[in-house]
PDB file of all heavy atoms in Angstrom:
ATOM      1  N   ASN A   1     220.104  48.846 181.973  1.00  0.00           N
ATOM      2  CA  ASN A   1     218.683  48.481 181.937  1.00  0.00           C
ATOM      3  C   ASN A   1     217.992  48.886 180.639  1.00  0.00           C
ATOM      4  O   ASN A   1     216.792  48.663 180.476  1.00  0.00           O
ATOM      5  CB  ASN A   1     217.951  49.111 183.116  1.00  0.00           C
ATOM      6  CG  ASN A   1     218.440  48.577 184.443  1.00  0.00           C
ATOM      7  OD1 ASN A   1     218.886  47.442 184.539  1.00  0.00           O
ATOM      8  ND2 ASN A   1     218.389  49.400 185.467  1.00  0.00           N
ATOM      9  N   ILE A   2     218.725  49.487 179.715  1.00  0.00           N
ATOM     10  CA  ILE A   2     218.154  49.908 178.433  1.00  0.00           C
ATOM     11  C   ILE A   2     218.619  48.931 177.360  1.00  0.00           C
ATOM     12  O   ILE A   2     219.791  48.900 176.987  1.00  0.00           O
ATOM     13  CB  ILE A   2     218.551  51.358 178.088  1.00  0.00           C
ATOM     14  CG1 ILE A   2     218.033  52.299 179.174  1.00  0.00           C
ATOM     15  CG2 ILE A   2     218.025  51.751 176.703  1.00  0.00           C
ATOM     16  CD1 ILE A   2     218.481  53.742 179.027  1.00  0.00           C
ATOM     17  N   ASN A   3     217.702  48.105 176.892  1.00  0.00           N
ATOM     18  CA  ASN A   3     218.010  47.060 175.929  1.00  0.00           C
ATOM     19  C   ASN A   3     217.986  47.603 174.500  1.00  0.00           C
ATOM     20  O   ASN A   3     217.026  48.266 174.100  1.00  0.00           O
ATOM     21  CB  ASN A   3     217.011  45.909 176.088  1.00  0.00           C
ATOM     22  CG  ASN A   3     217.297  44.781 175.147  1.00  0.00           C
ATOM     23  OD1 ASN A   3     216.800  44.767 174.024  1.00  0.00           O
ATOM     24  ND2 ASN A   3     218.111  43.834 175.585  1.00  0.00           N
ATOM     25  N   VAL A   4     219.036  47.306 173.755  1.00  0.00           N
ATOM     26  CA  VAL A   4     219.157  47.805 172.380  1.00  0.00           C
ATOM     27  C   VAL A   4     218.026  47.269 171.502  1.00  0.00           C
ATOM     28  O   VAL A   4     217.429  48.016 170.714  1.00  0.00           O
ATOM     29  CB  VAL A   4     220.544  47.462 171.790  1.00  0.00           C
ATOM     30  CG1 VAL A   4     220.620  47.870 170.316  1.00  0.00           C
ATOM     31  CG2 VAL A   4     221.650  48.142 172.592  1.00  0.00           C
ATOM     32  N   GLY A   5     217.698  45.998 171.616  1.00  0.00           N
ATOM     33  CA  GLY A   5     216.620  45.424 170.812  1.00  0.00           C
ATOM     34  C   GLY A   5     215.287  46.097 171.088  1.00  0.00           C
ATOM     35  O   GLY A   5     214.506  46.361 170.174  1.00  0.00           O
ATOM     36  N   THR A   6     215.032  46.412 172.345  1.00  0.00           N
ATOM     37  CA  THR A   6     213.796  47.100 172.723  1.00  0.00           C
ATOM     38  C   THR A   6     213.746  48.492 172.105  1.00  0.00           C
ATOM     39  O   THR A   6     212.705  48.909 171.586  1.00  0.00           O
ATOM     40  CB  THR A   6     213.683  47.196 174.259  1.00  0.00           C
ATOM     41  OG1 THR A   6     213.714  45.872 174.801  1.00  0.00           O
ATOM     42  CG2 THR A   6     212.410  47.892 174.679  1.00  0.00           C
ATOM     43  N   VAL A   7     214.868  49.202 172.140  1.00  0.00           N
ATOM     44  CA  VAL A   7     214.927  50.544 171.545  1.00  0.00           C
ATOM     45  C   VAL A   7     214.654  50.454 170.044  1.00  0.00           C
ATOM     46  O   VAL A   7     213.841  51.213 169.502  1.00  0.00           O
ATOM     47  CB  VAL A   7     216.294  51.218 171.798  1.00  0.00           C
ATOM     48  CG1 VAL A   7     216.406  52.536 171.029  1.00  0.00           C
ATOM     49  CG2 VAL A   7     216.522  51.448 173.290  1.00  0.00           C
ATOM     50  N   VAL A   8     215.301  49.529 169.369  1.00  0.00           N
ATOM     51  CA  VAL A   8     215.138  49.397 167.915  1.00  0.00           C
ATOM     52  C   VAL A   8     213.689  49.052 167.574  1.00  0.00           C
ATOM     53  O   VAL A   8     213.096  49.668 166.679  1.00  0.00           O
ATOM     54  CB  VAL A   8     216.118  48.357 167.341  1.00  0.00           C
ATOM     55  CG1 VAL A   8     215.777  48.003 165.901  1.00  0.00           C
ATOM     56  CG2 VAL A   8     217.545  48.883 167.440  1.00  0.00           C
ATOM     57  N   ARG A   9     213.097  48.117 168.283  1.00  0.00           N
ATOM     58  CA  ARG A   9     211.700  47.766 168.009  1.00  0.00           C
ATOM     59  C   ARG A   9     210.777  48.964 168.200  1.00  0.00           C
ATOM     60  O   ARG A   9     209.828  49.153 167.445  1.00  0.00           O
ATOM     61  CB  ARG A   9     211.252  46.633 168.919  1.00  0.00           C
ATOM     62  CG  ARG A   9     211.714  45.274 168.493  1.00  0.00           C
ATOM     63  CD  ARG A   9     211.188  44.206 169.460  1.00  0.00           C
ATOM     64  NE  ARG A   9     211.712  42.908 169.155  1.00  0.00           N
ATOM     65  CZ  ARG A   9     212.896  42.450 169.582  1.00  0.00           C
ATOM     66  NH1 ARG A   9     213.664  43.209 170.343  1.00  0.00           N
ATOM     67  NH2 ARG A   9     213.296  41.253 169.249  1.00  0.00           N
ATOM     68  N   ARG A  10     211.040  49.760 169.217  1.00  0.00           N
ATOM     69  CA  ARG A  10     210.183  50.907 169.517  1.00  0.00           C
ATOM     70  C   ARG A  10     210.348  52.039 168.483  1.00  0.00           C
ATOM     71  O   ARG A  10     209.386  52.708 168.116  1.00  0.00           O
ATOM     72  CB  ARG A  10     210.499  51.419 170.926  1.00  0.00           C
ATOM     73  CG  ARG A  10     209.814  52.683 171.328  1.00  0.00           C
ATOM     74  CD  ARG A  10     208.302  52.525 171.335  1.00  0.00           C
ATOM     75  NE  ARG A  10     207.731  53.853 171.384  1.00  0.00           N
ATOM     76  CZ  ARG A  10     206.753  54.233 172.155  1.00  0.00           C
ATOM     77  NH1 ARG A  10     206.167  53.389 172.916  1.00  0.00           N
ATOM     78  NH2 ARG A  10     206.339  55.467 172.152  1.00  0.00           N
ATOM     79  N   MET A  11     211.557  52.239 167.995  1.00  0.00           N
ATOM     80  CA  MET A  11     211.828  53.387 167.139  1.00  0.00           C
ATOM     81  C   MET A  11     211.661  53.102 165.647  1.00  0.00           C
ATOM     82  O   MET A  11     211.425  54.020 164.876  1.00  0.00           O
ATOM     83  CB  MET A  11     213.238  53.930 167.407  1.00  0.00           C
ATOM     84  CG  MET A  11     213.489  54.301 168.867  1.00  0.00           C
ATOM     85  SD  MET A  11     212.215  55.308 169.661  1.00  0.00           S
ATOM     86  CE  MET A  11     212.586  56.896 168.973  1.00  0.00           C
ATOM     87  N   GLU A  12     211.760  51.854 165.238  1.00  0.00           N
ATOM     88  CA  GLU A  12     211.578  51.521 163.820  1.00  0.00           C
ATOM     89  C   GLU A  12     210.101  51.594 163.454  1.00  0.00           C
ATOM     90  O   GLU A  12     209.248  51.190 164.245  1.00  0.00           O
ATOM     91  CB  GLU A  12     212.105  50.124 163.517  1.00  0.00           C
ATOM     92  CG  GLU A  12     213.592  50.051 163.323  1.00  0.00           C
ATOM     93  CD  GLU A  12     214.090  50.804 162.117  1.00  0.00           C
ATOM     94  OE1 GLU A  12     213.681  50.502 160.985  1.00  0.00           O
ATOM     95  OE2 GLU A  12     214.915  51.712 162.314  1.00  0.00           O
ATOM     96  N   ASP A  13     209.816  52.064 162.255  1.00  0.00           N
ATOM     97  CA  ASP A  13     208.422  52.205 161.833  1.00  0.00           C
ATOM     98  C   ASP A  13     207.829  50.899 161.314  1.00  0.00           C
ATOM     99  O   ASP A  13     206.637  50.671 161.416  1.00  0.00           O
ATOM    100  CB  ASP A  13     208.263  53.321 160.806  1.00  0.00           C
ATOM    101  CG  ASP A  13     209.162  53.165 159.597  1.00  0.00           C
ATOM    102  OD1 ASP A  13     210.001  52.245 159.585  1.00  0.00           O
ATOM    103  OD2 ASP A  13     209.030  53.961 158.666  1.00  0.00           O
ATOM    104  N   ASP A  14     208.631  50.026 160.753  1.00  0.00           N
ATOM    105  CA  ASP A  14     208.128  48.716 160.339  1.00  0.00           C
ATOM    106  C   ASP A  14     209.301  47.772 160.097  1.00  0.00           C
ATOM    107  O   ASP A  14     210.436  48.195 159.953  1.00  0.00           O
ATOM    108  CB  ASP A  14     207.237  48.805 159.101  1.00  0.00           C
ATOM    109  CG  ASP A  14     207.989  49.082 157.817  1.00  0.00           C
ATOM    110  OD1 ASP A  14     208.840  48.259 157.428  1.00  0.00           O
ATOM    111  OD2 ASP A  14     207.721  50.120 157.178  1.00  0.00           O
ATOM    112  N   PHE A  15     208.992  46.514 160.058  1.00  0.00           N
ATOM    113  CA  PHE A  15     209.985  45.493 159.765  1.00  0.00           C
ATOM    114  C   PHE A  15     209.547  44.666 158.558  1.00  0.00           C
ATOM    115  O   PHE A  15     209.782  43.472 158.489  1.00  0.00           O
ATOM    116  CB  PHE A  15     210.205  44.587 160.992  1.00  0.00           C
ATOM    117  CG  PHE A  15     210.968  45.261 162.087  1.00  0.00           C
ATOM    118  CD1 PHE A  15     210.309  45.844 163.152  1.00  0.00           C
ATOM    119  CD2 PHE A  15     212.340  45.344 162.042  1.00  0.00           C
ATOM    120  CE1 PHE A  15     211.002  46.482 164.161  1.00  0.00           C
ATOM    121  CE2 PHE A  15     213.056  45.973 163.046  1.00  0.00           C
ATOM    122  CZ  PHE A  15     212.377  46.537 164.109  1.00  0.00           C
ATOM    123  N   HIS A  16     208.909  45.311 157.603  1.00  0.00           N
ATOM    124  CA  HIS A  16     208.459  44.633 156.385  1.00  0.00           C
ATOM    125  C   HIS A  16     209.644  44.536 155.425  1.00  0.00           C
ATOM    126  O   HIS A  16     209.859  45.426 154.607  1.00  0.00           O
ATOM    127  CB  HIS A  16     207.303  45.393 155.732  1.00  0.00           C
ATOM    128  CG  HIS A  16     206.104  45.494 156.619  1.00  0.00           C
ATOM    129  ND1 HIS A  16     205.236  46.545 156.552  1.00  0.00           N
ATOM    130  CD2 HIS A  16     205.632  44.707 157.600  1.00  0.00           C
ATOM    131  CE1 HIS A  16     204.280  46.381 157.440  1.00  0.00           C
ATOM    132  NE2 HIS A  16     204.503  45.274 158.085  1.00  0.00           N
ATOM    133  N   LEU A  17     210.384  43.458 155.553  1.00  0.00           N
ATOM    134  CA  LEU A  17     211.564  43.291 154.701  1.00  0.00           C
ATOM    135  C   LEU A  17     211.184  43.103 153.243  1.00  0.00           C
ATOM    136  O   LEU A  17     211.909  43.516 152.348  1.00  0.00           O
ATOM    137  CB  LEU A  17     212.388  42.092 155.171  1.00  0.00           C
ATOM    138  CG  LEU A  17     212.917  42.160 156.601  1.00  0.00           C
ATOM    139  CD1 LEU A  17     213.734  40.916 156.914  1.00  0.00           C
ATOM    140  CD2 LEU A  17     213.729  43.410 156.826  1.00  0.00           C
ATOM    141  N   VAL A  18     210.079  42.439 153.016  1.00  0.00           N
ATOM    142  CA  VAL A  18     209.555  42.238 151.669  1.00  0.00           C
ATOM    143  C   VAL A  18     208.043  42.466 151.722  1.00  0.00           C
ATOM    144  O   VAL A  18     207.436  42.501 152.792  1.00  0.00           O
ATOM    145  CB  VAL A  18     209.878  40.824 151.121  1.00  0.00           C
ATOM    146  CG1 VAL A  18     211.359  40.685 150.792  1.00  0.00           C
ATOM    147  CG2 VAL A  18     209.459  39.744 152.091  1.00  0.00           C
ATOM    148  N   GLU A  19     207.455  42.606 150.566  1.00  0.00           N
ATOM    149  CA  GLU A  19     206.027  42.932 150.464  1.00  0.00           C
ATOM    150  C   GLU A  19     205.133  41.981 151.253  1.00  0.00           C
ATOM    151  O   GLU A  19     204.180  42.404 151.911  1.00  0.00           O
ATOM    152  CB  GLU A  19     205.624  42.933 148.988  1.00  0.00           C
ATOM    153  CG  GLU A  19     204.196  43.325 148.748  1.00  0.00           C
ATOM    154  CD  GLU A  19     203.832  43.333 147.266  1.00  0.00           C
ATOM    155  OE1 GLU A  19     204.725  43.547 146.431  1.00  0.00           O
ATOM    156  OE2 GLU A  19     202.654  43.124 146.967  1.00  0.00           O
ATOM    157  N   CYS A  20     205.445  40.705 151.242  1.00  0.00           N
ATOM    158  CA  CYS A  20     204.554  39.731 151.883  1.00  0.00           C
ATOM    159  C   CYS A  20     204.556  39.828 153.416  1.00  0.00           C
ATOM    160  O   CYS A  20     203.702  39.243 154.073  1.00  0.00           O
ATOM    161  CB  CYS A  20     204.876  38.308 151.436  1.00  0.00           C
ATOM    162  SG  CYS A  20     206.554  37.778 151.789  1.00  0.00           S
ATOM    163  N   PHE A  21     205.481  40.572 154.000  1.00  0.00           N
ATOM    164  CA  PHE A  21     205.469  40.790 155.446  1.00  0.00           C
ATOM    165  C   PHE A  21     204.341  41.749 155.840  1.00  0.00           C
ATOM    166  O   PHE A  21     203.957  41.801 156.988  1.00  0.00           O
ATOM    167  CB  PHE A  21     206.804  41.374 155.910  1.00  0.00           C
ATOM    168  CG  PHE A  21     207.878  40.355 156.160  1.00  0.00           C
ATOM    169  CD1 PHE A  21     208.041  39.266 155.329  1.00  0.00           C
ATOM    170  CD2 PHE A  21     208.746  40.493 157.223  1.00  0.00           C
ATOM    171  CE1 PHE A  21     209.040  38.335 155.554  1.00  0.00           C
ATOM    172  CE2 PHE A  21     209.739  39.572 157.461  1.00  0.00           C
ATOM    173  CZ  PHE A  21     209.893  38.490 156.629  1.00  0.00           C
ATOM    174  N   ASP A  22     203.858  42.495 154.887  1.00  0.00           N
ATOM    175  CA  ASP A  22     202.792  43.470 155.130  1.00  0.00           C
ATOM    176  C   ASP A  22     201.476  42.867 154.630  1.00  0.00           C
ATOM    177  O   ASP A  22     201.106  43.006 153.470  1.00  0.00           O
ATOM    178  CB  ASP A  22     203.107  44.774 154.400  1.00  0.00           C
ATOM    179  CG  ASP A  22     202.103  45.878 154.664  1.00  0.00           C
ATOM    180  OD1 ASP A  22     201.068  45.619 155.324  1.00  0.00           O
ATOM    181  OD2 ASP A  22     202.352  47.003 154.203  1.00  0.00           O
ATOM    182  N   ARG A  23     200.773  42.204 155.518  1.00  0.00           N
ATOM    183  CA  ARG A  23     199.548  41.488 155.126  1.00  0.00           C
ATOM    184  C   ARG A  23     198.514  42.411 154.482  1.00  0.00           C
ATOM    185  O   ARG A  23     197.799  42.005 153.580  1.00  0.00           O
ATOM    186  CB  ARG A  23     198.938  40.807 156.351  1.00  0.00           C
ATOM    187  CG  ARG A  23     199.781  39.692 156.880  1.00  0.00           C
ATOM    188  CD  ARG A  23     199.213  39.149 158.170  1.00  0.00           C
ATOM    189  NE  ARG A  23     200.200  38.341 158.826  1.00  0.00           N
ATOM    190  CZ  ARG A  23     200.046  37.061 159.103  1.00  0.00           C
ATOM    191  NH1 ARG A  23     198.940  36.450 158.792  1.00  0.00           N
ATOM    192  NH2 ARG A  23     200.999  36.395 159.697  1.00  0.00           N
ATOM    193  N   GLU A  24     198.456  43.628 154.932  1.00  0.00           N
ATOM    194  CA  GLU A  24     197.449  44.565 154.427  1.00  0.00           C
ATOM    195  C   GLU A  24     197.725  45.000 152.988  1.00  0.00           C
ATOM    196  O   GLU A  24     196.798  45.201 152.206  1.00  0.00           O
ATOM    197  CB  GLU A  24     197.411  45.802 155.336  1.00  0.00           C
ATOM    198  CG  GLU A  24     196.290  46.766 155.023  1.00  0.00           C
ATOM    199  CD  GLU A  24     196.264  47.934 156.002  1.00  0.00           C
ATOM    200  OE1 GLU A  24     196.464  47.697 157.201  1.00  0.00           O
ATOM    201  OE2 GLU A  24     196.046  49.062 155.541  1.00  0.00           O
ATOM    202  N   HIS A  25     198.976  45.117 152.609  1.00  0.00           N
ATOM    203  CA  HIS A  25     199.325  45.624 151.279  1.00  0.00           C
ATOM    204  C   HIS A  25     199.994  44.588 150.378  1.00  0.00           C
ATOM    205  O   HIS A  25     200.450  44.918 149.291  1.00  0.00           O
ATOM    206  CB  HIS A  25     200.229  46.852 151.405  1.00  0.00           C
ATOM    207  CG  HIS A  25     199.565  47.993 152.105  1.00  0.00           C
ATOM    208  ND1 HIS A  25     199.846  48.319 153.403  1.00  0.00           N
ATOM    209  CD2 HIS A  25     198.597  48.840 151.697  1.00  0.00           C
ATOM    210  CE1 HIS A  25     199.097  49.348 153.775  1.00  0.00           C
ATOM    211  NE2 HIS A  25     198.328  49.679 152.757  1.00  0.00           N
ATOM    212  N   ASN A  26     200.057  43.355 150.818  1.00  0.00           N
ATOM    213  CA  ASN A  26     200.712  42.313 150.031  1.00  0.00           C
ATOM    214  C   ASN A  26     199.906  41.991 148.770  1.00  0.00           C
ATOM    215  O   ASN A  26     198.739  41.655 148.839  1.00  0.00           O
ATOM    216  CB  ASN A  26     200.886  41.050 150.877  1.00  0.00           C
ATOM    217  CG  ASN A  26     201.583  39.946 150.107  1.00  0.00           C
ATOM    218  OD1 ASN A  26     202.282  40.185 149.138  1.00  0.00           O
ATOM    219  ND2 ASN A  26     201.380  38.723 150.545  1.00  0.00           N
ATOM    220  N   ARG A  27     200.558  42.100 147.630  1.00  0.00           N
ATOM    221  CA  ARG A  27     199.923  41.766 146.352  1.00  0.00           C
ATOM    222  C   ARG A  27     200.724  40.703 145.600  1.00  0.00           C
ATOM    223  O   ARG A  27     200.448  40.406 144.454  1.00  0.00           O
ATOM    224  CB  ARG A  27     199.810  43.020 145.464  1.00  0.00           C
ATOM    225  CG  ARG A  27     199.018  44.165 146.078  1.00  0.00           C
ATOM    226  CD  ARG A  27     197.527  43.818 146.174  1.00  0.00           C
ATOM    227  NE  ARG A  27     196.787  44.909 146.787  1.00  0.00           N
ATOM    228  CZ  ARG A  27     196.369  44.939 148.038  1.00  0.00           C
ATOM    229  NH1 ARG A  27     196.605  43.935 148.841  1.00  0.00           N
ATOM    230  NH2 ARG A  27     195.708  45.959 148.528  1.00  0.00           N
ATOM    231  N   CYS A  28     201.718  40.125 146.256  1.00  0.00           N
ATOM    232  CA  CYS A  28     202.571  39.140 145.592  1.00  0.00           C
ATOM    233  C   CYS A  28     201.778  37.854 145.349  1.00  0.00           C
ATOM    234  O   CYS A  28     201.278  37.239 146.288  1.00  0.00           O
ATOM    235  CB  CYS A  28     203.812  38.847 146.431  1.00  0.00           C
ATOM    236  SG  CYS A  28     204.916  37.661 145.634  1.00  0.00           S
ATOM    237  N   PRO A  29     201.680  37.431 144.104  1.00  0.00           N
ATOM    238  CA  PRO A  29     200.849  36.267 143.785  1.00  0.00           C
ATOM    239  C   PRO A  29     201.425  34.925 144.260  1.00  0.00           C
ATOM    240  O   PRO A  29     200.696  33.949 144.382  1.00  0.00           O
ATOM    241  CB  PRO A  29     200.748  36.302 142.260  1.00  0.00           C
ATOM    242  CG  PRO A  29     201.960  37.038 141.814  1.00  0.00           C
ATOM    243  CD  PRO A  29     202.250  38.040 142.899  1.00  0.00           C
ATOM    244  N   ILE A  30     202.723  34.870 144.557  1.00  0.00           N
ATOM    245  CA  ILE A  30     203.304  33.574 144.944  1.00  0.00           C
ATOM    246  C   ILE A  30     203.371  33.381 146.467  1.00  0.00           C
ATOM    247  O   ILE A  30     203.857  32.348 146.934  1.00  0.00           O
ATOM    248  CB  ILE A  30     204.703  33.366 144.318  1.00  0.00           C
ATOM    249  CG1 ILE A  30     205.711  34.392 144.855  1.00  0.00           C
ATOM    250  CG2 ILE A  30     204.615  33.388 142.796  1.00  0.00           C
ATOM    251  CD1 ILE A  30     207.154  34.084 144.473  1.00  0.00           C
TER     252      ILE A  30
END
């Protein structure tokens, strides 16, 4: 009953693979 994807989503601090994934701090002009 313990899903690996659920654990990873809960324990990871962010999934910002690149700057533009972070809307608040994105400064990429393209």
